[in-house]
Amino acid sequence: MARRRVLMDLRPLRESPAFRRLWLGWGLSSFGSQMTSFAVALQVYEITRSSLAVGAVGLSMALPTILLALVGGAVADAVDRRELVLITSACLTVVSAVFAAQAFAGMRQVWLLYGLVAVQSLLNAVNAPARGTFLSRLLPPHLVPAGAALNAFTFHASMTAGTALAGVITAVWGLKICYLVDALSFAAALHGVARLPAMPPEAGTARPGLRSVVDGLRFIRRTAVVKGAFLADMSAMALGAPMALLPAINAEHFGGGPETLGLLTAAPTVGGLLGSALSGPVGRVRRQGRAMLVAGAVWGAGLVGFGLATHLGTALALLAIAGAADSVSVVFRTAMAQSATPDSHRGRVSAAEYVVGAGCPYLGNFRAGLVGSLVSPAFGVISGGVATIAGAALIGLLLPAFTRYTTEASDQEPARPPAPQS
């Protein structure tokens, strides 16, 4: 019984066949997507032998996401979301097939790879916000945190195992097989979405456009729960993301070997995987806003400890703790954003969440690299951790409605979603 209370809550998979199919389908597809991310970076480097060219792949991904996701959310609030996800998923399948085709054909055109990455990101900017609305439509409110934890587990598992598997496949059969596996994996995702019922917005449709986007942003601004959740995540990532400094810290403190760099890079993801796997207590937390701020402070404290650590084992443990705290924070963010948002606005709120989750780590890594180059890599990490803790405390003081936000625990009777708080 105690083990069940600690381990990840699997009730969403048992009680909702539709959620189970969707989770399995997109889980398999996520592994394929990680293989393509690995293969693109490797192929660009093999063609150019330039780290800058590889970095430009991230730029090709980030710009379309930031520019189009909010519009994609407005579209998701205006049409049947199931149909929208089906169409964009089918288009993503075609993009993956083109990736595979150019690899099998032996094409060595960097512009083509950048173009395919940009098109893929544009499609994901529409697909992800629409898909993000499914959670609250398929699960009762008291199981939304458990569903969010299951999605987080899939994400971290694909990040950890998908990339490692891609390395093995590339070593044995070549990177073209990674692209092929990704294209084939979309069959599972398409099956999971195709079996869903129709998903039109419950409160009617809104005409997509600038006015709809602005209305969604105004909803976030006046809804303390959603605004606080997004600000807390933005603070943690934009102030604290340390990944850009790992190579320099590895060189200064741990010998600079590629093996230790690989361990340092993997540690936060492994921590996130463990954090989601042991997320059973998360569903029983009623004050989710306060819990998210605490998780953000633990993330910051883990970074401070990592910046001070000189022993590799200690550094890895602290990065794993930080990754676990970040995973828990993301679960709370998703649960609160879903529960506090009416269905008429969920596409736009999911789009804003997607932008926050995808864009802020880039800003945080830029901040870390800038501070690290001006002062020192260790100071860049430590200052980011301290700023993250201070940011969590400041949000708690300025948004008391967020820290007081209370929801029903998952082991209690379901309750209606709370009305927006301002």
Protein backbone atom coordinates (compact mmCIF):
# COMPACT_ATOMS: atom_id res chain seq x y z
CA MET A 1 0.00 0.00 0.00
CA ALA A 2 2.82 2.42 0.92
CA ARG A 3 4.56 1.63 -2.37
CA ARG A 4 1.39 2.44 -4.34
CA ARG A 5 1.14 5.81 -2.55
CA VAL A 6 4.69 6.72 -3.60
CA LEU A 7 4.81 5.34 -7.13
CA MET A 8 3.21 7.07 -10.09
CA ASP A 9 -0.62 6.98 -10.05
CA LEU A 10 -1.73 4.69 -12.89
CA ARG A 11 -5.47 5.20 -12.47
CA PRO A 12 -5.75 7.41 -15.59
CA LEU A 13 -4.50 4.46 -17.68
CA ARG A 14 -6.94 2.06 -16.04
CA GLU A 15 -10.00 4.28 -15.98
CA SER A 16 -9.77 6.00 -19.36
CA PRO A 17 -9.13 3.73 -22.38
CA ALA A 18 -8.98 6.80 -24.63
CA PHE A 19 -6.27 8.40 -22.49
CA ARG A 20 -4.41 5.07 -22.38
CA ARG A 21 -4.35 4.78 -26.18
CA LEU A 22 -3.30 8.40 -26.55
CA TRP A 23 -0.56 8.05 -23.92
CA LEU A 24 0.87 4.88 -25.46
CA GLY A 25 0.70 6.24 -29.01
CA TRP A 26 2.38 9.55 -28.28
CA GLY A 27 4.85 7.86 -25.97
CA LEU A 28 6.11 5.69 -28.82
CA SER A 29 6.14 8.67 -31.14
CA SER A 30 8.16 10.68 -28.59
CA PHE A 31 10.91 8.07 -28.74
CA GLY A 32 10.95 8.45 -32.51
CA SER A 33 11.08 12.24 -32.24
CA GLN A 34 14.13 12.05 -29.99
CA MET A 35 15.83 9.84 -32.57
CA THR A 36 15.21 12.44 -35.26
CA SER A 37 16.56 15.22 -33.01
CA PHE A 38 19.72 13.16 -32.48
CA ALA A 39 20.05 12.34 -36.17
CA VAL A 40 19.57 15.92 -37.37
CA ALA A 41 22.26 17.28 -35.07
CA LEU A 42 24.66 14.52 -36.07
CA GLN A 43 23.97 14.88 -39.79
CA VAL A 44 24.44 18.65 -39.72
CA TYR A 45 27.75 18.21 -37.89
CA GLU A 46 28.93 15.51 -40.31
CA ILE A 47 28.22 17.83 -43.24
CA THR A 48 29.61 21.08 -41.78
CA ARG A 49 31.95 20.08 -38.92
CA SER A 50 30.66 23.26 -37.25
CA SER A 51 29.19 23.56 -33.76
CA LEU A 52 27.64 26.85 -34.81
CA ALA A 53 25.76 25.06 -37.59
CA VAL A 54 24.48 22.53 -35.06
CA GLY A 55 23.40 25.36 -32.77
CA ALA A 56 21.44 26.86 -35.64
CA VAL A 57 19.25 23.74 -35.61
CA GLY A 58 17.97 24.89 -32.20
CA LEU A 59 17.29 28.33 -33.64
CA SER A 60 15.33 26.75 -36.49
CA MET A 61 13.22 25.00 -33.87
CA ALA A 62 12.76 27.89 -31.43
CA LEU A 63 11.75 30.70 -33.75
CA PRO A 64 8.71 28.99 -35.35
CA THR A 65 7.61 27.75 -31.93
CA ILE A 66 7.69 31.20 -30.34
CA LEU A 67 6.17 32.99 -33.33
CA LEU A 68 3.33 30.62 -34.20
CA ALA A 69 2.31 28.73 -31.06
CA LEU A 70 -0.07 31.41 -29.77
CA VAL A 71 -1.80 31.50 -33.15
CA GLY A 72 -1.94 27.70 -33.06
CA GLY A 73 -3.69 27.90 -29.70
CA ALA A 74 -6.27 30.30 -31.11
CA VAL A 75 -6.94 27.86 -33.96
CA ALA A 76 -7.32 25.03 -31.42
CA ASP A 77 -10.08 27.03 -29.67
CA ALA A 78 -11.95 27.48 -32.94
CA VAL A 79 -12.11 23.99 -34.49
CA ASP A 80 -12.48 20.34 -33.59
CA ARG A 81 -9.20 19.67 -31.79
CA ARG A 82 -9.16 15.98 -32.63
CA GLU A 83 -9.33 16.75 -36.36
CA LEU A 84 -6.67 19.44 -36.01
CA VAL A 85 -4.27 17.04 -34.25
CA LEU A 86 -4.98 14.33 -36.83
CA ILE A 87 -4.20 16.67 -39.72
CA THR A 88 -1.03 18.09 -38.20
CA SER A 89 0.14 14.64 -37.09
CA ALA A 90 -0.31 13.33 -40.62
CA CYS A 91 1.75 16.27 -41.90
CA LEU A 92 4.43 15.55 -39.28
CA THR A 93 4.53 11.96 -40.53
CA VAL A 94 5.23 13.26 -44.04
CA VAL A 95 8.03 15.50 -42.74
CA SER A 96 9.61 12.52 -40.96
CA ALA A 97 9.36 10.51 -44.17
CA VAL A 98 11.16 13.29 -46.08
CA PHE A 99 13.90 13.28 -43.43
CA ALA A 100 14.31 9.55 -44.02
CA ALA A 101 14.19 9.91 -47.80
CA GLN A 102 16.95 12.52 -47.94
CA ALA A 103 19.14 10.37 -45.69
CA PHE A 104 18.62 7.23 -47.78
CA ALA A 105 19.29 9.26 -50.95
CA GLY A 106 22.61 10.46 -49.54
CA MET A 107 21.69 14.15 -49.83
CA ARG A 108 24.05 16.46 -47.94
CA GLN A 109 22.08 19.70 -48.00
CA VAL A 110 22.10 21.63 -44.73
CA TRP A 111 19.45 24.07 -45.98
CA LEU A 112 17.07 21.16 -46.49
CA LEU A 113 17.61 19.96 -42.94
CA TYR A 114 17.04 23.45 -41.54
CA GLY A 115 13.90 23.80 -43.65
CA LEU A 116 12.50 20.45 -42.51
CA VAL A 117 13.21 21.31 -38.86
CA ALA A 118 11.43 24.66 -39.28
CA VAL A 119 8.38 23.04 -40.93
CA GLN A 120 8.32 20.39 -38.20
CA SER A 121 8.37 23.11 -35.53
CA LEU A 122 5.59 25.05 -37.25
CA LEU A 123 3.40 21.95 -37.26
CA ASN A 124 4.23 21.17 -33.64
CA ALA A 125 3.30 24.74 -32.70
CA VAL A 126 -0.25 23.95 -33.81
CA ASN A 127 -0.33 20.29 -32.81
CA ALA A 128 0.97 20.59 -29.25
CA PRO A 129 -1.51 23.22 -27.94
CA ALA A 130 -4.47 21.31 -29.41
CA ARG A 131 -3.20 18.03 -27.98
CA GLY A 132 -2.66 19.71 -24.62
CA THR A 133 -6.41 20.27 -24.28
CA PHE A 134 -7.14 16.51 -24.33
CA LEU A 135 -6.04 15.91 -20.74
CA SER A 136 -8.97 17.68 -19.12
CA ARG A 137 -11.44 16.27 -21.62
CA LEU A 138 -10.41 12.65 -21.07
CA LEU A 139 -9.86 12.67 -17.29
CA PRO A 140 -11.91 13.93 -14.33
CA PRO A 141 -10.36 16.91 -12.50
CA HIS A 142 -9.02 14.85 -9.58
CA LEU A 143 -6.95 12.68 -11.98
CA VAL A 144 -5.50 15.51 -14.07
CA PRO A 145 -2.30 15.75 -11.93
CA ALA A 146 -1.76 12.00 -12.32
CA GLY A 147 -2.27 12.29 -16.08
CA ALA A 148 0.22 15.17 -16.22
CA ALA A 149 2.74 13.06 -14.27
CA LEU A 150 2.31 10.18 -16.72
CA ASN A 151 2.96 12.55 -19.62
CA ALA A 152 6.05 13.90 -17.84
CA PHE A 153 7.31 10.36 -17.33
CA THR A 154 6.95 9.64 -21.04
CA PHE A 155 8.80 12.83 -21.92
CA HIS A 156 11.75 12.10 -19.64
CA ALA A 157 11.84 8.43 -20.63
CA SER A 158 12.04 9.35 -24.31
CA MET A 159 14.71 11.96 -23.58
CA THR A 160 16.79 9.40 -21.71
CA ALA A 161 16.26 6.17 -23.61
CA GLY A 162 15.33 7.56 -27.02
CA THR A 163 18.61 9.42 -27.43
CA ALA A 164 20.64 6.46 -26.16
CA LEU A 165 18.82 4.11 -28.52
CA ALA A 166 19.42 6.52 -31.38
CA GLY A 167 23.15 6.35 -30.68
CA VAL A 168 23.11 2.55 -30.82
CA ILE A 169 21.02 2.46 -34.01
CA THR A 170 23.29 5.00 -35.70
CA ALA A 171 26.39 3.04 -34.75
CA VAL A 172 24.97 -0.22 -36.16
CA TRP A 173 22.79 0.78 -39.12
CA GLY A 174 23.34 4.50 -39.70
CA LEU A 175 21.34 7.61 -38.86
CA LYS A 176 18.92 7.05 -41.75
CA ILE A 177 17.29 4.28 -39.68
CA CYS A 178 16.61 6.78 -36.89
CA TYR A 179 14.58 8.88 -39.34
CA LEU A 180 12.76 5.79 -40.56
CA VAL A 181 11.85 4.65 -37.04
CA ASP A 182 10.45 8.12 -36.30
CA ALA A 183 8.27 8.08 -39.42
CA LEU A 184 6.93 4.61 -38.55
CA SER A 185 6.30 5.55 -34.92
CA PHE A 186 3.70 8.09 -35.97
CA ALA A 187 1.36 5.21 -36.78
CA ALA A 188 0.88 4.65 -33.04
CA ALA A 189 0.21 8.34 -32.42
CA LEU A 190 -2.29 8.54 -35.28
CA HIS A 191 -4.10 5.47 -33.97
CA GLY A 192 -4.40 6.99 -30.50
CA VAL A 193 -5.84 10.24 -31.84
CA ALA A 194 -8.11 8.63 -34.43
CA ARG A 195 -9.89 6.59 -31.72
CA LEU A 196 -10.79 9.72 -29.74
CA PRO A 197 -14.31 11.18 -29.87
CA ALA A 198 -14.88 14.53 -31.54
CA MET A 199 -13.32 17.36 -29.49
CA PRO A 200 -14.93 20.68 -30.43
CA PRO A 201 -14.55 23.46 -27.84
CA GLU A 202 -17.35 22.95 -25.32
CA ALA A 203 -18.33 26.60 -25.01
CA GLY A 204 -18.57 27.33 -28.72
CA THR A 205 -15.90 28.53 -31.14
CA ALA A 206 -13.95 31.77 -31.36
CA ARG A 207 -12.70 33.18 -34.64
CA PRO A 208 -8.91 32.63 -34.75
CA GLY A 209 -6.84 35.76 -35.19
CA LEU A 210 -5.07 38.53 -33.34
CA ARG A 211 -8.13 39.40 -31.25
CA SER A 212 -8.44 35.80 -30.08
CA VAL A 213 -4.73 35.65 -29.19
CA VAL A 214 -4.98 38.88 -27.20
CA ASP A 215 -8.09 37.60 -25.42
CA GLY A 216 -6.17 34.48 -24.38
CA LEU A 217 -3.29 36.58 -23.03
CA ARG A 218 -5.74 38.76 -21.11
CA PHE A 219 -7.29 35.66 -19.57
CA ILE A 220 -3.86 34.53 -18.38
CA ARG A 221 -3.09 37.99 -16.96
CA ARG A 222 -6.31 38.20 -14.93
CA THR A 223 -6.30 34.58 -13.72
CA ALA A 224 -3.91 34.43 -10.77
CA VAL A 225 -3.56 30.63 -10.80
CA VAL A 226 -2.52 30.41 -14.45
CA LYS A 227 -0.41 33.57 -14.32
CA GLY A 228 1.39 32.37 -11.20
CA ALA A 229 2.06 28.91 -12.64
CA PHE A 230 3.56 30.37 -15.81
CA LEU A 231 5.61 33.01 -13.96
CA ALA A 232 6.97 30.37 -11.58
CA ASP A 233 8.10 28.20 -14.49
CA MET A 234 9.51 31.15 -16.41
CA SER A 235 11.47 32.21 -13.33
CA ALA A 236 12.91 28.72 -12.80
CA MET A 237 13.99 28.27 -16.41
CA ALA A 238 14.93 31.78 -17.56
CA LEU A 239 16.94 32.44 -14.40
CA GLY A 240 18.27 28.98 -13.64
CA ALA A 241 18.73 26.78 -16.75
CA PRO A 242 22.39 25.64 -16.48
CA MET A 243 22.96 23.39 -19.50
CA ALA A 244 25.11 25.87 -21.44
CA LEU A 245 27.66 25.88 -18.61
CA LEU A 246 28.05 22.12 -18.21
CA PRO A 247 30.98 21.77 -20.66
CA ALA A 248 32.93 24.55 -18.90
CA ILE A 249 32.20 23.22 -15.40
CA ASN A 250 33.12 19.73 -16.56
CA ALA A 251 36.46 21.08 -17.80
CA GLU A 252 37.17 23.09 -14.64
CA HIS A 253 36.08 20.60 -11.97
CA PHE A 254 35.83 17.09 -13.42
CA GLY A 255 38.64 16.64 -15.94
CA GLY A 256 36.81 17.66 -19.11
CA GLY A 257 36.25 14.14 -20.42
CA PRO A 258 33.30 13.39 -22.70
CA GLU A 259 32.17 10.59 -20.40
CA THR A 260 31.72 12.92 -17.43
CA LEU A 261 30.04 15.53 -19.63
CA GLY A 262 27.58 12.89 -20.77
CA LEU A 263 26.82 11.99 -17.16
CA LEU A 264 26.32 15.64 -16.20
CA THR A 265 24.04 16.24 -19.18
CA ALA A 266 21.95 13.15 -18.43
CA ALA A 267 21.62 13.70 -14.67
CA PRO A 268 18.74 16.26 -14.73
CA THR A 269 16.77 14.10 -17.17
CA VAL A 270 17.31 10.98 -15.06
CA GLY A 271 16.19 12.98 -12.04
CA GLY A 272 13.10 14.09 -13.92
CA LEU A 273 12.35 10.49 -14.83
CA LEU A 274 12.63 9.42 -11.18
CA GLY A 275 10.60 12.42 -10.05
CA SER A 276 7.71 11.52 -12.33
CA ALA A 277 7.98 7.80 -11.53
CA LEU A 278 7.69 8.61 -7.81
CA SER A 279 4.93 11.18 -8.27
CA GLY A 280 2.24 9.32 -6.32
CA PRO A 281 2.08 11.95 -3.55
CA VAL A 282 1.66 14.77 -6.09
CA GLY A 283 -2.01 13.98 -6.66
CA ARG A 284 -2.70 14.30 -2.93
CA VAL A 285 -1.29 17.83 -2.70
CA ARG A 286 -4.13 20.33 -2.32
CA ARG A 287 -2.15 23.60 -2.28
CA GLN A 288 -0.60 23.15 -5.70
CA GLY A 289 0.53 26.76 -6.15
CA ARG A 290 2.56 26.70 -2.96
CA ALA A 291 3.92 23.26 -3.85
CA MET A 292 5.07 24.50 -7.26
CA LEU A 293 6.96 27.38 -5.64
CA VAL A 294 8.62 24.95 -3.21
CA ALA A 295 9.60 22.70 -6.12
CA GLY A 296 11.07 25.71 -7.91
CA ALA A 297 13.08 26.63 -4.81
CA VAL A 298 14.39 23.04 -4.56
CA TRP A 299 15.42 23.26 -8.24
CA GLY A 300 17.33 26.47 -7.42
CA ALA A 301 18.93 24.98 -4.30
CA GLY A 302 20.06 21.95 -6.30
CA LEU A 303 21.74 24.27 -8.81
CA VAL A 304 23.49 26.23 -6.06
CA GLY A 305 24.81 22.98 -4.61
CA PHE A 306 25.93 21.80 -8.04
CA GLY A 307 27.80 25.04 -8.63
CA LEU A 308 29.68 24.55 -5.35
CA ALA A 309 30.33 20.82 -5.79
CA THR A 310 33.80 19.55 -6.60
CA HIS A 311 33.07 15.81 -6.31
CA LEU A 312 31.48 14.21 -9.38
CA GLY A 313 29.09 11.98 -7.43
CA THR A 314 27.82 14.94 -5.42
CA ALA A 315 27.38 17.03 -8.56
CA LEU A 316 25.40 14.29 -10.30
CA ALA A 317 23.17 13.74 -7.27
CA LEU A 318 22.40 17.46 -6.97
CA LEU A 319 21.61 17.77 -10.68
CA ALA A 320 19.30 14.75 -10.40
CA ILE A 321 17.52 16.33 -7.40
CA ALA A 322 17.12 19.55 -9.37
CA GLY A 323 15.73 17.60 -12.35
CA ALA A 324 13.25 15.75 -10.12
CA ALA A 325 12.05 19.05 -8.61
CA ASP A 326 11.65 20.55 -12.08
CA SER A 327 9.58 17.54 -13.20
CA VAL A 328 7.26 17.92 -10.19
CA SER A 329 6.96 21.65 -10.89
CA VAL A 330 5.91 20.96 -14.50
CA VAL A 331 3.25 18.50 -13.31
CA PHE A 332 1.76 21.14 -11.01
CA ARG A 333 1.95 23.77 -13.75
CA THR A 334 0.02 21.61 -16.20
CA ALA A 335 -2.54 20.49 -13.61
CA MET A 336 -3.31 24.05 -12.50
CA ALA A 337 -3.40 25.48 -16.02
CA GLN A 338 -5.84 22.76 -17.12
CA SER A 339 -8.08 22.89 -14.05
CA ALA A 340 -8.34 26.68 -13.80
CA THR A 341 -9.01 27.29 -17.50
CA PRO A 342 -12.46 26.96 -19.11
CA ASP A 343 -12.55 24.77 -22.20
CA SER A 344 -13.17 27.79 -24.43
CA HIS A 345 -9.64 29.08 -23.64
CA ARG A 346 -7.69 25.85 -23.17
CA GLY A 347 -6.10 25.88 -26.62
CA ARG A 348 -4.68 29.36 -26.10
CA VAL A 349 -3.55 28.64 -22.54
CA SER A 350 -1.94 25.36 -23.68
CA ALA A 351 -0.16 27.33 -26.41
CA ALA A 352 1.20 29.81 -23.87
CA GLU A 353 2.33 26.90 -21.70
CA TYR A 354 4.06 25.37 -24.71
CA VAL A 355 5.90 28.63 -25.42
CA VAL A 356 6.97 28.93 -21.78
CA GLY A 357 8.18 25.33 -21.65
CA ALA A 358 9.96 25.46 -25.00
CA GLY A 359 11.28 29.02 -25.04
CA CYS A 360 12.42 29.86 -21.51
CA PRO A 361 15.18 27.23 -21.34
CA TYR A 362 16.80 28.90 -24.36
CA LEU A 363 16.72 32.25 -22.53
CA GLY A 364 18.07 30.63 -19.39
CA ASN A 365 20.96 29.01 -21.19
CA PHE A 366 21.80 32.32 -22.87
CA ARG A 367 21.80 34.03 -19.44
CA ALA A 368 23.97 31.26 -18.00
CA GLY A 369 26.46 31.47 -20.86
CA LEU A 370 26.65 35.27 -20.62
CA VAL A 371 27.19 35.36 -16.85
CA GLY A 372 29.58 32.42 -17.02
CA SER A 373 31.72 34.14 -19.64
CA LEU A 374 31.75 37.47 -17.76
CA VAL A 375 32.50 36.04 -14.30
CA SER A 376 32.95 32.25 -14.08
CA PRO A 377 30.96 29.12 -14.98
CA ALA A 378 30.41 28.21 -11.33
CA PHE A 379 29.14 31.71 -10.55
CA GLY A 380 26.80 31.49 -13.52
CA VAL A 381 25.17 28.37 -12.06
CA ILE A 382 25.15 29.56 -8.44
CA SER A 383 23.74 32.99 -9.27
CA GLY A 384 21.02 31.35 -11.36
CA GLY A 385 20.05 29.07 -8.49
CA VAL A 386 19.94 31.96 -6.01
CA ALA A 387 17.88 34.06 -8.45
CA THR A 388 15.46 31.15 -8.91
CA ILE A 389 14.91 30.83 -5.15
CA ALA A 390 14.40 34.59 -4.87
CA GLY A 391 12.00 34.52 -7.82
CA ALA A 392 9.88 31.81 -6.18
CA ALA A 393 9.73 33.80 -2.95
CA LEU A 394 8.80 37.01 -4.80
CA ILE A 395 6.01 35.32 -6.76
CA GLY A 396 4.64 33.91 -3.51
CA LEU A 397 4.57 37.40 -1.97
CA LEU A 398 3.10 39.23 -4.97
CA LEU A 399 0.50 36.59 -5.91
CA PRO A 400 -1.11 35.42 -2.65
CA ALA A 401 -4.07 34.00 -4.59
CA PHE A 402 -1.65 31.65 -6.32
CA THR A 403 -0.10 30.39 -3.09
CA ARG A 404 -3.58 29.96 -1.55
CA TYR A 405 -4.94 28.06 -4.55
CA THR A 406 -6.53 24.83 -3.33
CA THR A 407 -7.80 21.86 -5.30
CA GLU A 408 -9.29 18.50 -4.43
CA ALA A 409 -6.78 15.72 -3.75
CA SER A 410 -6.87 12.72 -6.08
CA ASP A 411 -8.04 10.38 -3.30
CA GLN A 412 -11.07 12.57 -2.57
CA GLU A 413 -14.33 12.85 -4.43
CA PRO A 414 -14.07 14.74 -7.73
CA ALA A 415 -14.88 18.43 -7.62
CA ARG A 416 -15.76 20.97 -10.25
CA PRO A 417 -12.84 22.99 -11.58
CA PRO A 418 -12.43 26.27 -9.68
CA ALA A 419 -13.43 29.54 -11.25
CA PRO A 420 -10.63 31.84 -12.36
CA GLN A 421 -9.14 33.90 -9.53
CA SER A 422 -7.93 37.41 -10.03
